[in-house]
PDB file of N, CA and C in Angstrom:
ATOM      1  N   UNK A   1     -18.756   0.425  28.230  1.00  0.00           N
ATOM      2  CA  UNK A   1     -19.058  -0.134  26.707  1.00  0.00           C
ATOM      3  C   UNK A   1     -19.129  -1.629  26.815  1.00  0.00           C
ATOM      4  N   UNK A   2     -20.179  -2.077  26.309  1.00  0.00           N
ATOM      5  CA  UNK A   2     -20.467  -3.571  26.082  1.00  0.00           C
ATOM      6  C   UNK A   2     -19.413  -4.208  24.981  1.00  0.00           C
ATOM      7  N   UNK A   3     -19.843  -5.478  24.589  1.00  0.00           N
ATOM      8  CA  UNK A   3     -18.924  -6.027  23.334  1.00  0.00           C
ATOM      9  C   UNK A   3     -19.509  -5.252  22.125  1.00  0.00           C
ATOM     10  N   UNK A   4     -18.675  -5.118  21.298  1.00  0.00           N
ATOM     11  CA  UNK A   4     -18.881  -4.669  19.940  1.00  0.00           C
ATOM     12  C   UNK A   4     -18.339  -5.498  18.896  1.00  0.00           C
ATOM     13  N   UNK A   5     -18.861  -5.870  17.972  1.00  0.00           N
ATOM     14  CA  UNK A   5     -18.783  -6.692  16.831  1.00  0.00           C
ATOM     15  C   UNK A   5     -18.689  -6.041  15.283  1.00  0.00           C
ATOM     16  N   UNK A   6     -17.418  -6.755  14.604  1.00  0.00           N
ATOM     17  CA  UNK A   6     -17.760  -6.085  13.333  1.00  0.00           C
ATOM     18  C   UNK A   6     -17.633  -7.174  12.401  1.00  0.00           C
ATOM     19  N   UNK A   7     -18.148  -6.931  11.044  1.00  0.00           N
ATOM     20  CA  UNK A   7     -18.484  -8.188   9.934  1.00  0.00           C
ATOM     21  C   UNK A   7     -17.256  -8.168   9.213  1.00  0.00           C
ATOM     22  N   UNK A   8     -16.600  -9.479   9.272  1.00  0.00           N
ATOM     23  CA  UNK A   8     -15.690  -9.895   8.325  1.00  0.00           C
ATOM     24  C   UNK A   8     -15.750  -9.445   6.665  1.00  0.00           C
ATOM     25  N   UNK A   9     -16.853  -9.663   6.554  1.00  0.00           N
ATOM     26  CA  UNK A   9     -17.348  -9.307   5.106  1.00  0.00           C
ATOM     27  C   UNK A   9     -17.408  -7.867   4.709  1.00  0.00           C
ATOM     28  N   UNK A  10     -18.242  -7.199   5.124  1.00  0.00           N
ATOM     29  CA  UNK A  10     -18.397  -5.942   4.815  1.00  0.00           C
ATOM     30  C   UNK A  10     -17.912  -4.910   5.766  1.00  0.00           C
ATOM     31  N   UNK A  11     -17.585  -4.994   6.926  1.00  0.00           N
ATOM     32  CA  UNK A  11     -16.735  -4.170   7.770  1.00  0.00           C
ATOM     33  C   UNK A  11     -17.549  -3.245   8.629  1.00  0.00           C
ATOM     34  N   UNK A  12     -19.018  -3.631   8.825  1.00  0.00           N
ATOM     35  CA  UNK A  12     -20.244  -3.101   9.622  1.00  0.00           C
ATOM     36  C   UNK A  12     -19.624  -3.365  10.862  1.00  0.00           C
ATOM     37  N   UNK A  13     -19.871  -2.216  11.902  1.00  0.00           N
ATOM     38  CA  UNK A  13     -19.668  -2.290  13.223  1.00  0.00           C
ATOM     39  C   UNK A  13     -20.845  -1.988  13.982  1.00  0.00           C
ATOM     40  N   UNK A  14     -21.087  -3.041  15.084  1.00  0.00           N
ATOM     41  CA  UNK A  14     -22.508  -2.758  15.631  1.00  0.00           C
ATOM     42  C   UNK A  14     -22.150  -3.477  17.224  1.00  0.00           C
ATOM     43  N   UNK A  15     -23.184  -3.281  17.842  1.00  0.00           N
ATOM     44  CA  UNK A  15     -23.059  -3.873  19.152  1.00  0.00           C
ATOM     45  C   UNK A  15     -23.989  -5.339  19.428  1.00  0.00           C
ATOM     46  N   UNK A  16     -24.839  -5.249  18.336  1.00  0.00           N
ATOM     47  CA  UNK A  16     -25.546  -6.570  18.452  1.00  0.00           C
ATOM     48  C   UNK A  16     -25.039  -7.649  17.219  1.00  0.00           C
ATOM     49  N   UNK A  17     -24.614  -8.612  17.408  1.00  0.00           N
ATOM     50  CA  UNK A  17     -23.866  -9.439  16.480  1.00  0.00           C
ATOM     51  C   UNK A  17     -24.838 -10.074  15.548  1.00  0.00           C
ATOM     52  N   UNK A  18     -26.223 -10.106  15.743  1.00  0.00           N
ATOM     53  CA  UNK A  18     -27.268 -10.710  15.130  1.00  0.00           C
ATOM     54  C   UNK A  18     -27.508 -10.090  13.902  1.00  0.00           C
ATOM     55  N   UNK A  19     -26.983  -8.817  13.664  1.00  0.00           N
ATOM     56  CA  UNK A  19     -27.255  -8.072  12.547  1.00  0.00           C
ATOM     57  C   UNK A  19     -26.103  -8.223  11.491  1.00  0.00           C
ATOM     58  N   UNK A  20     -25.116  -8.982  11.847  1.00  0.00           N
ATOM     59  CA  UNK A  20     -23.996  -9.027  10.885  1.00  0.00           C
ATOM     60  C   UNK A  20     -23.984 -10.457  10.278  1.00  0.00           C
ATOM     61  N   UNK A  21     -23.650 -10.501   8.901  1.00  0.00           N
ATOM     62  CA  UNK A  21     -23.344 -11.749   8.125  1.00  0.00           C
ATOM     63  C   UNK A  21     -21.969 -12.801   8.754  1.00  0.00           C
ATOM     64  N   UNK A  22     -21.138 -12.065   9.314  1.00  0.00           N
ATOM     65  CA  UNK A  22     -19.997 -12.746   9.636  1.00  0.00           C
ATOM     66  C   UNK A  22     -19.211 -11.885  10.707  1.00  0.00           C
ATOM     67  N   UNK A  23     -19.926 -12.080  11.841  1.00  0.00           N
ATOM     68  CA  UNK A  23     -19.403 -11.172  13.116  1.00  0.00           C
ATOM     69  C   UNK A  23     -18.542 -11.651  13.862  1.00  0.00           C
ATOM     70  N   UNK A  24     -17.204 -10.941  14.197  1.00  0.00           N
ATOM     71  CA  UNK A  24     -16.195 -11.018  15.030  1.00  0.00           C
ATOM     72  C   UNK A  24     -16.083  -9.929  16.115  1.00  0.00           C
ATOM     73  N   UNK A  25     -15.162 -10.377  17.099  1.00  0.00           N
ATOM     74  CA  UNK A  25     -15.337  -9.287  18.122  1.00  0.00           C
ATOM     75  C   UNK A  25     -14.220  -8.209  17.623  1.00  0.00           C
ATOM     76  N   UNK A  26     -14.809  -7.036  17.777  1.00  0.00           N
ATOM     77  CA  UNK A  26     -13.874  -5.858  17.056  1.00  0.00           C
ATOM     78  C   UNK A  26     -12.928  -5.449  18.219  1.00  0.00           C
ATOM     79  N   UNK A  27     -11.598  -4.993  17.566  1.00  0.00           N
ATOM     80  CA  UNK A  27     -10.686  -4.660  18.363  1.00  0.00           C
ATOM     81  C   UNK A  27     -10.508  -3.217  18.200  1.00  0.00           C
ATOM     82  N   UNK A  28     -10.173  -2.657  19.375  1.00  0.00           N
ATOM     83  CA  UNK A  28      -9.899  -0.976  19.321  1.00  0.00           C
ATOM     84  C   UNK A  28     -11.184  -0.265  18.712  1.00  0.00           C
ATOM     85  N   UNK A  29     -12.079  -0.558  19.019  1.00  0.00           N
ATOM     86  CA  UNK A  29     -13.260   0.024  18.643  1.00  0.00           C
ATOM     87  C   UNK A  29     -13.649   1.245  19.766  1.00  0.00           C
ATOM     88  N   UNK A  30     -14.032   2.287  19.215  1.00  0.00           N
ATOM     89  CA  UNK A  30     -14.296   3.649  19.817  1.00  0.00           C
ATOM     90  C   UNK A  30     -15.578   4.109  19.157  1.00  0.00           C
ATOM     91  N   UNK A  31     -16.343   5.023  19.850  1.00  0.00           N
ATOM     92  CA  UNK A  31     -17.082   5.873  19.244  1.00  0.00           C
ATOM     93  C   UNK A  31     -16.556   7.435  19.178  1.00  0.00           C
ATOM     94  N   UNK A  32     -17.081   7.947  17.894  1.00  0.00           N
ATOM     95  CA  UNK A  32     -16.303   8.890  17.382  1.00  0.00           C
ATOM     96  C   UNK A  32     -16.922  10.296  18.157  1.00  0.00           C
ATOM     97  N   UNK A  33     -16.347  11.074  18.519  1.00  0.00           N
ATOM     98  CA  UNK A  33     -16.441  12.125  19.702  1.00  0.00           C
ATOM     99  C   UNK A  33     -17.178  13.210  18.984  1.00  0.00           C
ATOM    100  N   UNK A  34     -17.257  13.298  17.870  1.00  0.00           N
ATOM    101  CA  UNK A  34     -18.041  14.431  16.860  1.00  0.00           C
ATOM    102  C   UNK A  34     -19.493  13.896  16.500  1.00  0.00           C
ATOM    103  N   UNK A  35     -19.836  12.443  15.961  1.00  0.00           N
ATOM    104  CA  UNK A  35     -20.773  12.216  15.393  1.00  0.00           C
ATOM    105  C   UNK A  35     -21.278  10.882  16.255  1.00  0.00           C
ATOM    106  N   UNK A  36     -20.529  10.397  17.040  1.00  0.00           N
ATOM    107  CA  UNK A  36     -21.069   9.310  17.987  1.00  0.00           C
ATOM    108  C   UNK A  36     -21.083   7.677  17.141  1.00  0.00           C
ATOM    109  N   UNK A  37     -20.501   7.857  15.937  1.00  0.00           N
ATOM    110  CA  UNK A  37     -20.404   6.522  15.230  1.00  0.00           C
ATOM    111  C   UNK A  37     -19.414   5.620  15.954  1.00  0.00           C
ATOM    112  N   UNK A  38     -19.806   4.158  16.135  1.00  0.00           N
ATOM    113  CA  UNK A  38     -19.035   3.222  16.635  1.00  0.00           C
ATOM    114  C   UNK A  38     -18.223   2.738  15.496  1.00  0.00           C
ATOM    115  N   UNK A  39     -16.530   2.974  15.534  1.00  0.00           N
ATOM    116  CA  UNK A  39     -16.105   2.490  14.630  1.00  0.00           C
ATOM    117  C   UNK A  39     -14.427   1.985  14.860  1.00  0.00           C
ATOM    118  N   UNK A  40     -13.726   1.069  14.216  1.00  0.00           N
ATOM    119  CA  UNK A  40     -12.627   0.876  14.589  1.00  0.00           C
ATOM    120  C   UNK A  40     -11.581   1.328  13.798  1.00  0.00           C
ATOM    121  N   UNK A  41     -11.941   1.905  12.686  1.00  0.00           N
ATOM    122  CA  UNK A  41     -11.371   2.785  11.728  1.00  0.00           C
ATOM    123  C   UNK A  41     -10.568   4.023  12.136  1.00  0.00           C
ATOM    124  N   UNK A  42      -9.239   4.120  12.423  1.00  0.00           N
ATOM    125  CA  UNK A  42      -9.018   5.423  12.897  1.00  0.00           C
ATOM    126  C   UNK A  42      -8.786   6.486  11.958  1.00  0.00           C
ATOM    127  N   UNK A  43      -9.176   6.381  10.513  1.00  0.00           N
ATOM    128  CA  UNK A  43      -9.234   7.266   9.629  1.00  0.00           C
ATOM    129  C   UNK A  43     -10.639   7.773   9.240  1.00  0.00           C
ATOM    130  N   UNK A  44     -11.636   7.369  10.156  1.00  0.00           N
ATOM    131  CA  UNK A  44     -13.106   8.005  10.372  1.00  0.00           C
ATOM    132  C   UNK A  44     -13.046   9.587   9.971  1.00  0.00           C
ATOM    133  N   UNK A  45     -13.900   9.990   9.000  1.00  0.00           N
ATOM    134  CA  UNK A  45     -13.739  11.253   8.989  1.00  0.00           C
ATOM    135  C   UNK A  45     -15.397  11.546   8.721  1.00  0.00           C
ATOM    136  N   UNK A  46     -15.906  12.237   9.603  1.00  0.00           N
ATOM    137  CA  UNK A  46     -17.492  12.635   9.520  1.00  0.00           C
ATOM    138  C   UNK A  46     -17.516  14.200   9.379  1.00  0.00           C
ATOM    139  N   UNK A  47     -18.807  14.538   9.099  1.00  0.00           N
ATOM    140  CA  UNK A  47     -18.960  15.951   8.525  1.00  0.00           C
ATOM    141  C   UNK A  47     -18.482  16.730   9.578  1.00  0.00           C
ATOM    142  N   UNK A  48     -18.804  16.769  10.888  1.00  0.00           N
ATOM    143  CA  UNK A  48     -18.216  17.752  11.690  1.00  0.00           C
ATOM    144  C   UNK A  48     -16.797  18.030  11.741  1.00  0.00           C
ATOM    145  N   UNK A  49     -16.263  16.975  11.399  1.00  0.00           N
ATOM    146  CA  UNK A  49     -14.714  16.911  11.630  1.00  0.00           C
ATOM    147  C   UNK A  49     -14.295  17.707  10.322  1.00  0.00           C
ATOM    148  N   UNK A  50     -14.830  17.369   9.189  1.00  0.00           N
ATOM    149  CA  UNK A  50     -14.351  18.110   7.808  1.00  0.00           C
ATOM    150  C   UNK A  50     -14.139  19.643   8.188  1.00  0.00           C
ATOM    151  N   UNK A  51     -15.037  20.038   8.814  1.00  0.00           N
ATOM    152  CA  UNK A  51     -15.107  21.803   8.986  1.00  0.00           C
ATOM    153  C   UNK A  51     -13.827  22.021   9.567  1.00  0.00           C
ATOM    154  N   UNK A  52     -12.916  21.426  10.466  1.00  0.00           N
ATOM    155  CA  UNK A  52     -11.618  21.697  11.110  1.00  0.00           C
ATOM    156  C   UNK A  52     -10.801  21.084  10.341  1.00  0.00           C
ATOM    157  N   UNK A  53     -10.226  20.404   9.384  1.00  0.00           N
ATOM    158  CA  UNK A  53      -9.177  19.679   8.949  1.00  0.00           C
ATOM    159  C   UNK A  53      -8.536  20.620   7.911  1.00  0.00           C
ATOM    160  N   UNK A  54      -7.424  20.777   7.858  1.00  0.00           N
ATOM    161  CA  UNK A  54      -6.857  21.780   7.452  1.00  0.00           C
ATOM    162  C   UNK A  54      -5.480  21.307   6.911  1.00  0.00           C
ATOM    163  N   UNK A  55      -5.087  19.859   7.037  1.00  0.00           N
ATOM    164  CA  UNK A  55      -3.854  19.549   6.492  1.00  0.00           C
ATOM    165  C   UNK A  55      -4.010  18.109   6.168  1.00  0.00           C
ATOM    166  N   UNK A  56      -3.206  17.563   5.088  1.00  0.00           N
ATOM    167  CA  UNK A  56      -3.028  16.030   4.884  1.00  0.00           C
ATOM    168  C   UNK A  56      -1.757  15.799   5.085  1.00  0.00           C
ATOM    169  N   UNK A  57      -1.412  14.446   5.416  1.00  0.00           N
ATOM    170  CA  UNK A  57       0.072  13.988   5.328  1.00  0.00           C
ATOM    171  C   UNK A  57       0.604  13.661   3.930  1.00  0.00           C
ATOM    172  N   UNK A  58       1.584  13.887   3.351  1.00  0.00           N
ATOM    173  CA  UNK A  58       2.166  13.523   2.278  1.00  0.00           C
ATOM    174  C   UNK A  58       2.471  12.020   2.183  1.00  0.00           C
ATOM    175  N   UNK A  59       2.848  11.613   3.505  1.00  0.00           N
ATOM    176  CA  UNK A  59       3.101  10.215   3.644  1.00  0.00           C
ATOM    177  C   UNK A  59       1.910   9.029   3.647  1.00  0.00           C
ATOM    178  N   UNK A  60       1.172   9.432   4.607  1.00  0.00           N
ATOM    179  CA  UNK A  60       0.260   8.254   4.931  1.00  0.00           C
ATOM    180  C   UNK A  60      -1.213   8.744   4.458  1.00  0.00           C
ATOM    181  N   UNK A  61      -1.465   9.794   4.279  1.00  0.00           N
ATOM    182  CA  UNK A  61      -2.529  10.676   3.871  1.00  0.00           C
ATOM    183  C   UNK A  61      -3.635  10.761   5.083  1.00  0.00           C
ATOM    184  N   UNK A  62      -3.145  10.921   6.217  1.00  0.00           N
ATOM    185  CA  UNK A  62      -3.900  11.061   7.382  1.00  0.00           C
ATOM    186  C   UNK A  62      -4.501  12.525   7.286  1.00  0.00           C
ATOM    187  N   UNK A  63      -5.581  12.901   7.781  1.00  0.00           N
ATOM    188  CA  UNK A  63      -6.038  14.307   7.828  1.00  0.00           C
ATOM    189  C   UNK A  63      -5.869  14.860   9.232  1.00  0.00           C
ATOM    190  N   UNK A  64      -5.617  15.969   9.256  1.00  0.00           N
ATOM    191  CA  UNK A  64      -5.447  16.659  10.583  1.00  0.00           C
ATOM    192  C   UNK A  64      -5.809  18.298  10.689  1.00  0.00           C
ATOM    193  N   UNK A  65      -6.068  18.818  11.859  1.00  0.00           N
ATOM    194  CA  UNK A  65      -6.623  20.115  11.849  1.00  0.00           C
ATOM    195  C   UNK A  65      -5.334  21.079  12.220  1.00  0.00           C
ATOM    196  N   UNK A  66      -4.262  20.271  12.796  1.00  0.00           N
ATOM    197  CA  UNK A  66      -2.830  21.263  12.996  1.00  0.00           C
ATOM    198  C   UNK A  66      -1.795  20.325  12.280  1.00  0.00           C
ATOM    199  N   UNK A  67      -0.916  21.106  11.638  1.00  0.00           N
ATOM    200  CA  UNK A  67       0.281  20.480  10.830  1.00  0.00           C
ATOM    201  C   UNK A  67       1.169  19.713  11.956  1.00  0.00           C
ATOM    202  N   UNK A  68       1.092  19.996  13.174  1.00  0.00           N
ATOM    203  CA  UNK A  68       2.098  19.288  14.300  1.00  0.00           C
ATOM    204  C   UNK A  68       1.682  17.892  14.328  1.00  0.00           C
ATOM    205  N   UNK A  69       0.663  17.384  14.131  1.00  0.00           N
ATOM    206  CA  UNK A  69       0.087  16.050  14.233  1.00  0.00           C
ATOM    207  C   UNK A  69       0.225  15.186  12.922  1.00  0.00           C
ATOM    208  N   UNK A  70       1.141  15.811  12.044  1.00  0.00           N
ATOM    209  CA  UNK A  70       1.490  15.006  11.030  1.00  0.00           C
ATOM    210  C   UNK A  70       2.872  14.985  10.671  1.00  0.00           C
ATOM    211  N   UNK A  71       3.390  13.794  10.102  1.00  0.00           N
ATOM    212  CA  UNK A  71       4.814  13.628   9.935  1.00  0.00           C
ATOM    213  C   UNK A  71       5.449  14.439   8.570  1.00  0.00           C
ATOM    214  N   UNK A  72       4.432  14.655   7.518  1.00  0.00           N
ATOM    215  CA  UNK A  72       4.768  15.605   6.472  1.00  0.00           C
ATOM    216  C   UNK A  72       3.654  16.080   6.036  1.00  0.00           C
ATOM    217  N   UNK A  73       3.225  17.351   6.892  1.00  0.00           N
ATOM    218  CA  UNK A  73       2.064  18.025   6.316  1.00  0.00           C
ATOM    219  C   UNK A  73       2.052  18.808   5.261  1.00  0.00           C
ATOM    220  N   UNK A  74       0.825  18.845   4.616  1.00  0.00           N
ATOM    221  CA  UNK A  74       0.605  19.848   3.339  1.00  0.00           C
ATOM    222  C   UNK A  74      -0.608  20.209   3.423  1.00  0.00           C
ATOM    223  N   UNK A  75      -0.808  21.573   3.243  1.00  0.00           N
ATOM    224  CA  UNK A  75      -2.187  22.044   3.390  1.00  0.00           C
ATOM    225  C   UNK A  75      -3.186  21.627   2.512  1.00  0.00           C
ATOM    226  N   UNK A  76      -4.510  21.449   2.883  1.00  0.00           N
ATOM    227  CA  UNK A  76      -5.531  20.985   1.962  1.00  0.00           C
ATOM    228  C   UNK A  76      -5.861  21.995   1.113  1.00  0.00           C
ATOM    229  N   UNK A  77      -6.114  21.661  -0.193  1.00  0.00           N
ATOM    230  CA  UNK A  77      -6.298  22.472  -1.315  1.00  0.00           C
ATOM    231  C   UNK A  77      -8.060  22.645  -1.167  1.00  0.00           C
ATOM    232  N   UNK A  78      -8.691  23.874  -0.640  1.00  0.00           N
ATOM    233  CA  UNK A  78      -9.885  24.121  -0.672  1.00  0.00           C
ATOM    234  C   UNK A  78     -10.562  24.675  -1.929  1.00  0.00           C
ATOM    235  N   UNK A  79     -11.603  23.880  -2.298  1.00  0.00           N
ATOM    236  CA  UNK A  79     -12.269  24.102  -3.566  1.00  0.00           C
ATOM    237  C   UNK A  79     -12.845  25.656  -3.444  1.00  0.00           C
ATOM    238  N   UNK A  80     -12.380  26.143  -4.732  1.00  0.00           N
ATOM    239  CA  UNK A  80     -12.724  27.798  -4.965  1.00  0.00           C
ATOM    240  C   UNK A  80     -14.161  27.720  -5.436  1.00  0.00           C
ATOM    241  N   UNK A  81     -14.846  28.840  -4.899  1.00  0.00           N
ATOM    242  CA  UNK A  81     -16.399  28.955  -4.998  1.00  0.00           C
ATOM    243  C   UNK A  81     -16.494  29.522  -6.288  1.00  0.00           C
ATOM    244  N   UNK A  82     -17.437  28.743  -6.974  1.00  0.00           N
ATOM    245  CA  UNK A  82     -17.562  28.916  -8.299  1.00  0.00           C
ATOM    246  C   UNK A  82     -18.610  30.174  -8.194  1.00  0.00           C
ATOM    247  N   UNK A  83     -18.130  31.073  -9.598  1.00  0.00           N
ATOM    248  CA  UNK A  83     -18.892  32.229  -9.544  1.00  0.00           C
ATOM    249  C   UNK A  83     -20.443  31.987 -10.314  1.00  0.00           C
ATOM    250  N   UNK A  84     -21.294  32.792  -9.727  1.00  0.00           N
ATOM    251  CA  UNK A  84     -22.753  32.538  -9.872  1.00  0.00           C
ATOM    252  C   UNK A  84     -22.952  32.787 -11.335  1.00  0.00           C
ATOM    253  N   UNK A  85     -23.859  31.844 -12.138  1.00  0.00           N
ATOM    254  CA  UNK A  85     -23.932  32.236 -13.636  1.00  0.00           C
ATOM    255  C   UNK A  85     -25.426  32.744 -13.716  1.00  0.00           C
ATOM    256  N   UNK A  86     -25.351  33.958 -14.292  1.00  0.00           N
ATOM    257  CA  UNK A  86     -26.556  34.594 -14.510  1.00  0.00           C
ATOM    258  C   UNK A  86     -27.447  33.865 -15.848  1.00  0.00           C
ATOM    259  N   UNK A  87     -28.588  33.519 -15.609  1.00  0.00           N
ATOM    260  CA  UNK A  87     -29.187  32.785 -16.818  1.00  0.00           C
ATOM    261  C   UNK A  87     -29.949  33.831 -17.302  1.00  0.00           C
ATOM    262  N   UNK A  88     -29.879  33.770 -18.520  1.00  0.00           N
ATOM    263  CA  UNK A  88     -30.901  34.964 -19.605  1.00  0.00           C
ATOM    264  C   UNK A  88     -32.075  34.204 -19.432  1.00  0.00           C
ATOM    265  N   UNK A  89     -33.102  34.980 -19.574  1.00  0.00           N
ATOM    266  CA  UNK A  89     -34.363  34.762 -19.665  1.00  0.00           C
ATOM    267  C   UNK A  89     -34.479  34.504 -21.102  1.00  0.00           C
ATOM    268  N   UNK A  90     -35.120  33.502 -21.412  1.00  0.00           N
ATOM    269  CA  UNK A  90     -35.575  33.349 -22.953  1.00  0.00           C
ATOM    270  C   UNK A  90     -36.399  34.214 -23.503  1.00  0.00           C
ATOM    271  N   UNK A  91     -36.348  34.671 -24.771  1.00  0.00           N
ATOM    272  CA  UNK A  91     -37.251  35.709 -25.498  1.00  0.00           C
ATOM    273  C   UNK A  91     -38.787  35.066 -25.408  1.00  0.00           C
ATOM    274  N   UNK A  92     -39.819  35.932 -25.179  1.00  0.00           N
ATOM    275  CA  UNK A  92     -40.709  35.408 -25.231  1.00  0.00           C
ATOM    276  C   UNK A  92     -41.229  35.200 -26.523  1.00  0.00           C
ATOM    277  N   UNK A  93     -42.116  34.162 -26.552  1.00  0.00           N
ATOM    278  CA  UNK A  93     -42.525  33.416 -28.068  1.00  0.00           C
ATOM    279  C   UNK A  93     -43.470  34.358 -28.617  1.00  0.00           C
ATOM    280  N   UNK A  94     -43.480  34.897 -29.999  1.00  0.00           N
ATOM    281  CA  UNK A  94     -44.244  35.473 -30.506  1.00  0.00           C
ATOM    282  C   UNK A  94     -45.450  34.524 -31.222  1.00  0.00           C
ATOM    283  N   UNK A  95     -46.634  34.954 -30.699  1.00  0.00           N
ATOM    284  CA  UNK A  95     -47.809  34.190 -31.323  1.00  0.00           C
ATOM    285  C   UNK A  95     -48.140  34.784 -32.634  1.00  0.00           C
ATOM    286  N   UNK A  96     -48.728  33.929 -33.476  1.00  0.00           N
ATOM    287  CA  UNK A  96     -48.778  34.419 -34.819  1.00  0.00           C
ATOM    288  C   UNK A  96     -50.467  34.279 -34.961  1.00  0.00           C
ATOM    289  N   UNK A  97     -51.126  35.211 -35.108  1.00  0.00           N
ATOM    290  CA  UNK A  97     -52.550  34.932 -35.351  1.00  0.00           C
ATOM    291  C   UNK A  97     -52.843  34.716 -36.688  1.00  0.00           C
ATOM    292  N   UNK A  98     -53.541  33.650 -37.000  1.00  0.00           N
ATOM    293  CA  UNK A  98     -54.196  33.235 -38.087  1.00  0.00           C
ATOM    294  C   UNK A  98     -55.090  34.639 -38.723  1.00  0.00           C
ATOM    295  N   UNK A  99     -54.733  34.574 -40.032  1.00  0.00           N
ATOM    296  CA  UNK A  99     -55.347  35.585 -40.786  1.00  0.00           C
ATOM    297  C   UNK A  99     -56.678  34.822 -41.151  1.00  0.00           C
ATOM    298  N   UNK A 100     -57.707  35.847 -41.280  1.00  0.00           N
ATOM    299  CA  UNK A 100     -59.179  35.348 -41.682  1.00  0.00           C
ATOM    300  C   UNK A 100     -59.344  35.419 -43.059  1.00  0.00           C
ATOM    301  N   UNK A 101     -60.010  34.601 -43.624  1.00  0.00           N
ATOM    302  CA  UNK A 101     -60.245  34.228 -44.928  1.00  0.00           C
ATOM    303  C   UNK A 101     -61.302  34.964 -45.239  1.00  0.00           C
ATOM    304  N   UNK A 102     -61.546  35.617 -46.284  1.00  0.00           N
ATOM    305  CA  UNK A 102     -62.734  36.430 -46.634  1.00  0.00           C
ATOM    306  C   UNK A 102     -63.609  35.465 -47.274  1.00  0.00           C
TER     307      UNK A 102
END
């Protein structure tokens, strides 16, 4: 892997420092094995990872698929599936025919 730079201002990570406003050599940068994003943040969570995550650490907030990987694991609360609401059809509008004048 070539040189990787991060921006001191916004935190963006790239291999081309010309695209950054305040580039510095990035430390401990790796590519995510799930989505390929180059990041130095060990807390990076991408959509493919979310499917496997089941625990959160009460101490540091780190997420993990297995409780053994955390010091104080707590199961993640999964959102309940919302019941489908059945929408009533609006009553048909009655059309009033104008009366003919004699």
